[in-house]
């Protein structure tokens, strides 16, 4: 397991072989993989406008490198501390309601929102107006099965009874029609969007309460945006009970962008790699400088920002002989646990490596499998 401080002092260690380059699963788990999030069910709002700023996240990553390195340097003047300096930089558009599928709402008659009208959806309503009828209504499958797959996107799943939840939630919009192209357009203009989910949600027409435990339903058409790719494995939000009203989901289609990450100033790339880089010794020297992990939205610019910030710090704090290690290459990828994407993992190196050594596609930790996807290399200009 490779757990090392990203400072130039470590390069003074004489190593006969490369440090083990497994994914730092223990450190990532200790940091925390994140909390499941997603659009609120039966919401009073018709949208949560995404607010994620990729540039701000990158700036935060750079600032954290300097802050952590200073704390480590102050903590020990005798020997380097072999502790990961992982940090989380996750921007969530807004706070949402619980996604628990078994929780019953606890609204009381004193709640001013009790029995008040909720937004009316534009989708068809099943007859009879029951959750089981909604879930088995063939008209909804016909809608999702004939939906267009937008250009530049791939279909990840279709006609499921669950909506996406997990890390990387950006926001959502309510649609007038089941329009995958419109949702794709929302994704394309949203910073960090990697995929989206369009689905039908059976919602109450009024806020359920003791005086209106099972109101008539309305069908909301939702478009949720994600900073990590979606899959059938992430489409786990199947609804919830609100008093006697059952909020359920159907016709859920997920789509992922096929586009590579956008170029980053000061770096050559992205260069598509296979897995996580497994660098050999270079002229007897280990070029691995450490790693960073950011839970949530996939943002390779956090990796390049960390690489550049490490250089600034190392240059200002050289070894006693005046030398210092320069980060000139970073490998960014999405780390997934049991096929559920978790966040951005960055490996930093003092040499530029190629796809030929990017051979770690995943590894087990007990019964859990951690996999690598969307792996790209970035070389400092």
Protein backbone atom coordinates (compact mmCIF):
# COMPACT_ATOMS: atom_id res chain seq x y z
CA UNK A 1 0.00 0.00 0.00
CA UNK A 2 1.42 3.41 -0.90
CA UNK A 3 0.79 6.08 1.70
CA UNK A 4 3.27 8.94 1.44
CA UNK A 5 3.48 12.64 2.14
CA UNK A 6 3.72 14.81 -0.97
CA UNK A 7 6.92 16.67 -0.03
CA UNK A 8 10.37 16.70 -1.52
CA UNK A 9 11.94 15.24 1.62
CA UNK A 10 10.76 11.74 0.77
CA UNK A 11 12.86 11.62 -2.38
CA UNK A 12 15.96 11.44 -0.18
CA UNK A 13 14.96 7.91 0.82
CA UNK A 14 17.10 5.37 -1.04
CA UNK A 15 14.86 2.60 -2.37
CA UNK A 16 15.95 -0.61 -4.05
CA UNK A 17 12.56 -1.11 -5.70
CA UNK A 18 9.55 1.04 -6.54
CA UNK A 19 7.10 1.68 -3.74
CA UNK A 20 4.02 -0.52 -3.99
CA UNK A 21 1.54 1.25 -6.24
CA UNK A 22 -1.77 -0.21 -5.17
CA UNK A 23 -4.70 2.15 -4.89
CA UNK A 24 -4.65 3.71 -1.41
CA UNK A 25 -7.94 2.11 -0.37
CA UNK A 26 -7.39 2.23 3.39
CA UNK A 27 -6.64 5.95 3.33
CA UNK A 28 -9.55 6.69 1.00
CA UNK A 29 -11.93 4.73 3.22
CA UNK A 30 -10.61 6.53 6.30
CA UNK A 31 -11.21 9.86 4.59
CA UNK A 32 -14.75 8.86 3.69
CA UNK A 33 -16.20 8.02 0.30
CA UNK A 34 -19.06 10.50 0.56
CA UNK A 35 -22.77 10.49 1.28
CA UNK A 36 -25.51 9.42 -1.11
CA UNK A 37 -27.35 12.43 -2.50
CA UNK A 38 -29.82 13.22 -5.24
CA UNK A 39 -32.99 15.12 -6.11
CA UNK A 40 -35.55 15.37 -3.30
CA UNK A 41 -38.73 13.34 -3.70
CA UNK A 42 -42.11 15.07 -4.05
CA UNK A 43 -40.31 18.40 -3.79
CA UNK A 44 -41.95 21.79 -3.47
CA UNK A 45 -39.25 23.19 -5.79
CA UNK A 46 -39.28 22.42 -9.50
CA UNK A 47 -35.48 22.60 -9.84
CA UNK A 48 -32.16 22.74 -8.02
CA UNK A 49 -29.89 24.78 -10.26
CA UNK A 50 -26.32 23.39 -10.29
CA UNK A 51 -23.71 25.65 -8.69
CA UNK A 52 -20.55 23.54 -8.95
CA UNK A 53 -17.48 25.52 -10.04
CA UNK A 54 -14.64 23.35 -11.37
CA UNK A 55 -12.13 26.21 -11.26
CA UNK A 56 -12.94 26.95 -7.62
CA UNK A 57 -12.54 23.26 -6.76
CA UNK A 58 -9.12 23.23 -8.44
CA UNK A 59 -8.05 26.34 -6.55
CA UNK A 60 -9.13 24.72 -3.31
CA UNK A 61 -7.08 21.62 -4.16
CA UNK A 62 -3.99 23.76 -4.71
CA UNK A 63 -4.50 25.68 -1.47
CA UNK A 64 -4.91 22.47 0.48
CA UNK A 65 -1.58 21.11 -0.78
CA UNK A 66 0.25 24.09 0.67
CA UNK A 67 -1.72 24.10 3.91
CA UNK A 68 -1.22 20.40 4.62
CA UNK A 69 2.45 20.45 3.66
CA UNK A 70 3.07 23.34 6.05
CA UNK A 71 1.31 21.50 8.89
CA UNK A 72 3.34 18.36 8.22
CA UNK A 73 6.60 20.31 8.08
CA UNK A 74 5.85 22.05 11.37
CA UNK A 75 4.84 18.77 13.02
CA UNK A 76 8.17 17.04 12.43
CA UNK A 77 11.69 18.23 11.76
CA UNK A 78 13.28 14.80 12.29
CA UNK A 79 11.79 12.44 9.72
CA UNK A 80 9.12 12.52 7.05
CA UNK A 81 5.60 11.53 8.04
CA UNK A 82 4.29 8.74 5.85
CA UNK A 83 0.67 9.78 6.04
CA UNK A 84 -1.63 10.48 3.15
CA UNK A 85 -2.67 14.06 2.65
CA UNK A 86 -5.98 13.25 1.10
CA UNK A 87 -8.63 15.90 1.27
CA UNK A 88 -12.20 16.21 0.07
CA UNK A 89 -13.28 19.03 -2.22
CA UNK A 90 -16.88 18.31 -3.13
CA UNK A 91 -19.34 20.95 -4.21
CA UNK A 92 -23.01 20.04 -3.89
CA UNK A 93 -25.57 22.23 -5.60
CA UNK A 94 -28.05 22.32 -2.72
CA UNK A 95 -29.12 20.40 0.32
CA UNK A 96 -31.74 17.80 -0.46
CA UNK A 97 -34.25 15.71 1.42
CA UNK A 98 -33.52 12.19 2.62
CA UNK A 99 -33.46 9.49 -0.04
CA UNK A 100 -34.47 6.74 2.37
CA UNK A 101 -37.00 4.46 0.74
CA UNK A 102 -38.65 3.21 3.94
CA UNK A 103 -39.03 6.37 5.99
CA UNK A 104 -42.55 7.61 6.71
CA UNK A 105 -42.93 11.38 6.84
CA UNK A 106 -43.63 12.85 10.27
CA UNK A 107 -45.54 15.95 9.25
CA UNK A 108 -48.11 16.94 11.86
CA UNK A 109 -51.37 18.80 11.55
CA UNK A 110 -49.58 21.87 12.93
CA UNK A 111 -47.24 21.92 9.97
CA UNK A 112 -48.17 24.99 7.88
CA UNK A 113 -47.29 23.04 4.74
CA UNK A 114 -49.74 20.23 5.54
CA UNK A 115 -52.14 19.59 2.65
CA UNK A 116 -50.78 22.57 0.72
CA UNK A 117 -50.52 22.18 -3.07
CA UNK A 118 -47.32 20.80 -4.59
CA UNK A 119 -46.12 21.46 -8.15
CA UNK A 120 -48.19 19.72 -10.79
CA UNK A 121 -46.31 17.44 -13.13
CA UNK A 122 -46.90 17.18 -16.85
CA UNK A 123 -46.70 13.40 -17.27
CA UNK A 124 -49.67 11.04 -17.67
CA UNK A 125 -51.43 9.65 -14.57
CA UNK A 126 -52.30 5.97 -14.31
CA UNK A 127 -55.82 4.66 -13.68
CA UNK A 128 -56.60 3.55 -11.05
CA UNK A 129 -54.42 6.06 -9.23
CA UNK A 130 -52.26 3.61 -7.30
CA UNK A 131 -48.52 3.05 -7.02
CA UNK A 132 -48.70 -0.56 -8.23
CA UNK A 133 -50.62 0.55 -11.33
CA UNK A 134 -48.08 3.29 -11.97
CA UNK A 135 -45.19 0.82 -11.80
CA UNK A 136 -46.82 -1.64 -14.19
CA UNK A 137 -48.33 0.85 -16.65
CA UNK A 138 -47.03 -0.04 -20.15
CA UNK A 139 -47.35 3.53 -21.41
CA UNK A 140 -44.37 4.55 -19.30
CA UNK A 141 -42.14 1.80 -20.66
CA UNK A 142 -43.16 2.85 -24.16
CA UNK A 143 -42.05 6.41 -23.38
CA UNK A 144 -38.63 5.42 -22.02
CA UNK A 145 -37.96 2.69 -24.58
CA UNK A 146 -38.48 5.06 -27.51
CA UNK A 147 -36.50 7.98 -26.05
CA UNK A 148 -33.62 9.32 -28.13
CA UNK A 149 -30.03 8.70 -27.07
CA UNK A 150 -28.38 12.12 -27.51
CA UNK A 151 -25.38 12.52 -29.78
CA UNK A 152 -22.17 12.28 -27.78
CA UNK A 153 -23.80 10.14 -25.08
CA UNK A 154 -24.29 6.43 -24.45
CA UNK A 155 -27.32 4.74 -22.90
CA UNK A 156 -26.34 3.40 -19.46
CA UNK A 157 -29.71 1.91 -18.45
CA UNK A 158 -33.35 2.04 -19.49
CA UNK A 159 -36.86 1.69 -18.04
CA UNK A 160 -35.80 1.13 -14.42
CA UNK A 161 -37.94 1.66 -11.31
CA UNK A 162 -35.19 3.61 -9.53
CA UNK A 163 -33.52 7.00 -9.90
CA UNK A 164 -29.81 7.66 -9.56
CA UNK A 165 -28.44 8.57 -6.13
CA UNK A 166 -24.89 8.74 -4.83
CA UNK A 167 -21.81 10.94 -4.98
CA UNK A 168 -21.45 13.63 -7.60
CA UNK A 169 -24.97 15.08 -7.54
CA UNK A 170 -25.14 18.43 -9.34
CA UNK A 171 -28.83 19.37 -9.48
CA UNK A 172 -32.09 18.68 -11.27
CA UNK A 173 -34.71 20.22 -13.55
CA UNK A 174 -38.39 19.43 -14.11
CA UNK A 175 -39.30 18.84 -17.75
CA UNK A 176 -42.56 19.43 -19.60
CA UNK A 177 -42.05 16.29 -21.71
CA UNK A 178 -39.86 13.19 -21.49
CA UNK A 179 -37.15 14.95 -23.47
CA UNK A 180 -33.70 13.38 -23.23
CA UNK A 181 -32.24 15.95 -25.64
CA UNK A 182 -33.31 18.81 -23.37
CA UNK A 183 -31.75 17.07 -20.37
CA UNK A 184 -28.55 16.53 -22.38
CA UNK A 185 -28.48 20.26 -23.13
CA UNK A 186 -28.74 21.02 -19.41
CA UNK A 187 -25.85 18.62 -18.80
CA UNK A 188 -23.69 20.12 -21.54
CA UNK A 189 -23.94 23.60 -20.07
CA UNK A 190 -23.28 22.45 -16.50
CA UNK A 191 -19.74 22.50 -15.11
CA UNK A 192 -18.54 18.97 -14.37
CA UNK A 193 -21.57 17.09 -15.75
CA UNK A 194 -20.68 13.51 -16.74
CA UNK A 195 -24.14 12.01 -17.09
CA UNK A 196 -27.86 12.42 -16.47
CA UNK A 197 -31.00 10.50 -15.52
CA UNK A 198 -34.49 11.18 -16.91
CA UNK A 199 -37.41 9.54 -15.11
CA UNK A 200 -41.07 9.72 -14.13
CA UNK A 201 -41.94 10.22 -10.47
CA UNK A 202 -45.36 9.60 -8.91
CA UNK A 203 -45.83 12.56 -6.57
CA UNK A 204 -48.70 13.77 -4.36
CA UNK A 205 -50.69 16.79 -5.52
CA UNK A 206 -50.68 18.15 -1.97
CA UNK A 207 -48.28 17.70 0.93
CA UNK A 208 -49.51 14.54 2.74
CA UNK A 209 -50.62 15.03 6.34
CA UNK A 210 -53.13 13.45 8.77
CA UNK A 211 -55.97 15.29 7.05
CA UNK A 212 -54.81 14.20 3.55
CA UNK A 213 -52.85 11.00 3.97
CA UNK A 214 -53.29 9.68 0.44
CA UNK A 215 -54.01 12.52 -1.99
CA UNK A 216 -54.38 12.21 -5.74
CA UNK A 217 -51.14 11.86 -7.66
CA UNK A 218 -49.36 13.79 -10.34
CA UNK A 219 -46.52 12.57 -12.57
CA UNK A 220 -43.35 14.66 -12.51
CA UNK A 221 -40.74 14.32 -15.27
CA UNK A 222 -37.30 14.87 -13.76
CA UNK A 223 -33.86 15.41 -15.27
CA UNK A 224 -31.06 14.92 -12.73
CA UNK A 225 -27.44 15.85 -13.50
CA UNK A 226 -24.36 14.05 -12.22
CA UNK A 227 -20.64 14.75 -11.99
CA UNK A 228 -19.92 11.01 -12.01
CA UNK A 229 -21.17 8.55 -14.59
CA UNK A 230 -24.50 6.83 -13.91
CA UNK A 231 -25.31 3.12 -14.19
CA UNK A 232 -27.98 0.63 -13.19
CA UNK A 233 -25.94 0.14 -10.01
CA UNK A 234 -26.53 3.79 -9.03
CA UNK A 235 -30.28 3.81 -9.84
CA UNK A 236 -31.28 2.74 -6.33
CA UNK A 237 -33.71 5.43 -5.19
CA UNK A 238 -37.08 3.70 -5.53
CA UNK A 239 -39.13 6.28 -3.66
CA UNK A 240 -40.63 6.59 -0.18
CA UNK A 241 -43.87 6.55 1.78
CA UNK A 242 -45.39 9.85 2.86
CA UNK A 243 -48.20 8.83 5.19
CA UNK A 244 -50.38 6.60 2.99
CA UNK A 245 -49.04 8.02 -0.27
CA UNK A 246 -46.38 5.98 -2.02
CA UNK A 247 -43.87 8.02 -4.04
CA UNK A 248 -42.45 5.69 -6.70
CA UNK A 249 -40.32 5.99 -9.84
CA UNK A 250 -40.49 4.44 -13.28
CA UNK A 251 -39.19 4.90 -16.85
CA UNK A 252 -35.73 5.81 -15.52
CA UNK A 253 -33.16 6.18 -18.30
CA UNK A 254 -29.50 7.02 -17.67
CA UNK A 255 -26.99 8.48 -20.14
CA UNK A 256 -23.24 9.13 -19.93
CA UNK A 257 -21.12 11.61 -21.84
CA UNK A 258 -18.58 10.11 -24.23
CA UNK A 259 -16.44 13.25 -24.24
CA UNK A 260 -12.92 13.27 -22.85
CA UNK A 261 -12.09 15.86 -20.18
CA UNK A 262 -11.44 19.35 -21.49
CA UNK A 263 -7.79 20.50 -21.89
CA UNK A 264 -6.17 22.18 -18.89
CA UNK A 265 -3.94 25.24 -19.18
CA UNK A 266 -0.28 24.47 -18.60
CA UNK A 267 -0.64 20.74 -19.26
CA UNK A 268 -0.55 18.48 -22.29
CA UNK A 269 -3.52 16.16 -22.32
CA UNK A 270 -5.78 14.51 -21.75
CA UNK A 271 -4.03 11.31 -22.86
CA UNK A 272 -6.30 8.30 -22.47
CA UNK A 273 -4.80 5.60 -20.26
CA UNK A 274 -6.02 2.13 -19.37
CA UNK A 275 -5.81 1.97 -15.60
CA UNK A 276 -3.84 3.44 -12.72
CA UNK A 277 -0.15 4.04 -13.51
CA UNK A 278 2.27 1.40 -12.19
CA UNK A 279 5.57 3.17 -12.73
CA UNK A 280 8.83 1.19 -12.76
CA UNK A 281 12.10 2.61 -11.49
CA UNK A 282 13.68 5.22 -13.73
CA UNK A 283 17.48 4.99 -13.65
CA UNK A 284 17.17 3.38 -10.23
CA UNK A 285 14.88 6.11 -8.88
CA UNK A 286 11.24 5.92 -7.86
CA UNK A 287 9.28 8.69 -9.58
CA UNK A 288 6.04 8.25 -7.61
CA UNK A 289 5.36 11.36 -5.49
CA UNK A 290 2.05 10.52 -3.82
CA UNK A 291 -1.65 10.75 -4.45
CA UNK A 292 -4.73 12.85 -3.80
CA UNK A 293 -8.39 11.83 -3.59
CA UNK A 294 -11.46 14.06 -3.91
CA UNK A 295 -14.85 12.58 -3.15
CA UNK A 296 -17.63 13.47 -5.57
CA UNK A 297 -17.57 15.15 -8.98
CA UNK A 298 -14.88 13.96 -11.42
CA UNK A 299 -12.56 16.92 -11.93
CA UNK A 300 -9.06 16.23 -13.34
CA UNK A 301 -8.14 19.90 -12.87
CA UNK A 302 -7.92 19.16 -9.15
CA UNK A 303 -5.10 16.73 -9.98
CA UNK A 304 -3.16 19.19 -12.13
CA UNK A 305 -3.69 21.94 -9.55
CA UNK A 306 -2.27 19.67 -6.86
CA UNK A 307 0.72 18.81 -9.07
CA UNK A 308 1.51 22.48 -9.75
CA UNK A 309 1.01 23.48 -6.12
CA UNK A 310 3.34 20.72 -4.98
CA UNK A 311 6.05 22.13 -7.24
CA UNK A 312 5.66 25.60 -5.78
CA UNK A 313 5.99 24.22 -2.27
CA UNK A 314 8.89 21.87 -3.06
CA UNK A 315 10.86 24.62 -4.80
CA UNK A 316 10.49 26.85 -1.75
CA UNK A 317 11.48 24.01 0.59
CA UNK A 318 14.33 22.12 -1.13
CA UNK A 319 16.60 19.52 0.41
CA UNK A 320 19.74 20.62 2.19
CA UNK A 321 21.67 20.23 -1.06
CA UNK A 322 19.26 22.55 -2.86
CA UNK A 323 17.55 19.85 -4.96
CA UNK A 324 13.83 19.15 -5.09
CA UNK A 325 11.46 16.85 -6.93
CA UNK A 326 9.25 18.29 -9.64
CA UNK A 327 5.81 16.92 -10.41
CA UNK A 328 5.54 16.75 -14.19
CA UNK A 329 2.82 14.11 -14.64
CA UNK A 330 -0.46 13.22 -13.00
CA UNK A 331 -2.84 10.34 -13.68
CA UNK A 332 -6.48 11.22 -12.96
CA UNK A 333 -9.30 8.70 -12.85
CA UNK A 334 -12.64 7.85 -11.28
CA UNK A 335 -12.39 5.43 -8.37
CA UNK A 336 -15.45 3.18 -7.98
CA UNK A 337 -16.44 0.82 -5.17
CA UNK A 338 -18.44 -2.21 -6.35
CA UNK A 339 -19.16 -0.38 -9.61
CA UNK A 340 -20.49 2.72 -7.85
CA UNK A 341 -18.32 5.78 -8.71
CA UNK A 342 -16.94 7.63 -5.68
CA UNK A 343 -14.64 10.45 -6.78
CA UNK A 344 -11.43 11.68 -8.41
CA UNK A 345 -8.17 9.87 -7.66
CA UNK A 346 -4.85 11.48 -8.63
CA UNK A 347 -1.41 9.83 -8.79
CA UNK A 348 1.55 12.24 -9.08
CA UNK A 349 4.93 11.52 -10.67
CA UNK A 350 8.25 13.20 -11.40
CA UNK A 351 8.36 11.53 -14.83
CA UNK A 352 5.88 11.40 -17.69
CA UNK A 353 4.51 7.88 -18.13
CA UNK A 354 2.50 6.25 -20.91
CA UNK A 355 -0.44 3.89 -21.31
CA UNK A 356 2.00 0.96 -21.35
CA UNK A 357 2.40 1.13 -17.56
CA UNK A 358 -1.18 2.15 -16.68
CA UNK A 359 -2.09 -1.44 -15.87
CA UNK A 360 -3.89 -1.42 -12.51
CA UNK A 361 -7.56 -1.63 -13.48
CA UNK A 362 -8.77 -2.40 -9.98
CA UNK A 363 -8.20 -4.39 -6.82
CA UNK A 364 -10.07 -6.10 -4.00
CA UNK A 365 -10.25 -5.08 -0.37
CA UNK A 366 -11.97 -8.00 1.29
CA UNK A 367 -15.12 -8.63 -0.75
CA UNK A 368 -15.25 -5.07 -2.10
CA UNK A 369 -13.84 -4.34 -5.55
CA UNK A 370 -12.34 -0.92 -6.28
CA UNK A 371 -12.08 -0.20 -10.00
CA UNK A 372 -10.49 2.43 -12.24
CA UNK A 373 -12.32 4.21 -15.07
CA UNK A 374 -11.97 7.39 -17.15
CA UNK A 375 -8.21 7.28 -16.62
CA UNK A 376 -6.24 10.11 -18.26
CA UNK A 377 -2.69 11.40 -18.15
CA UNK A 378 -1.63 15.05 -17.92
CA UNK A 379 1.95 16.20 -18.56
CA UNK A 380 3.25 19.55 -17.32
CA UNK A 381 4.29 21.80 -20.20
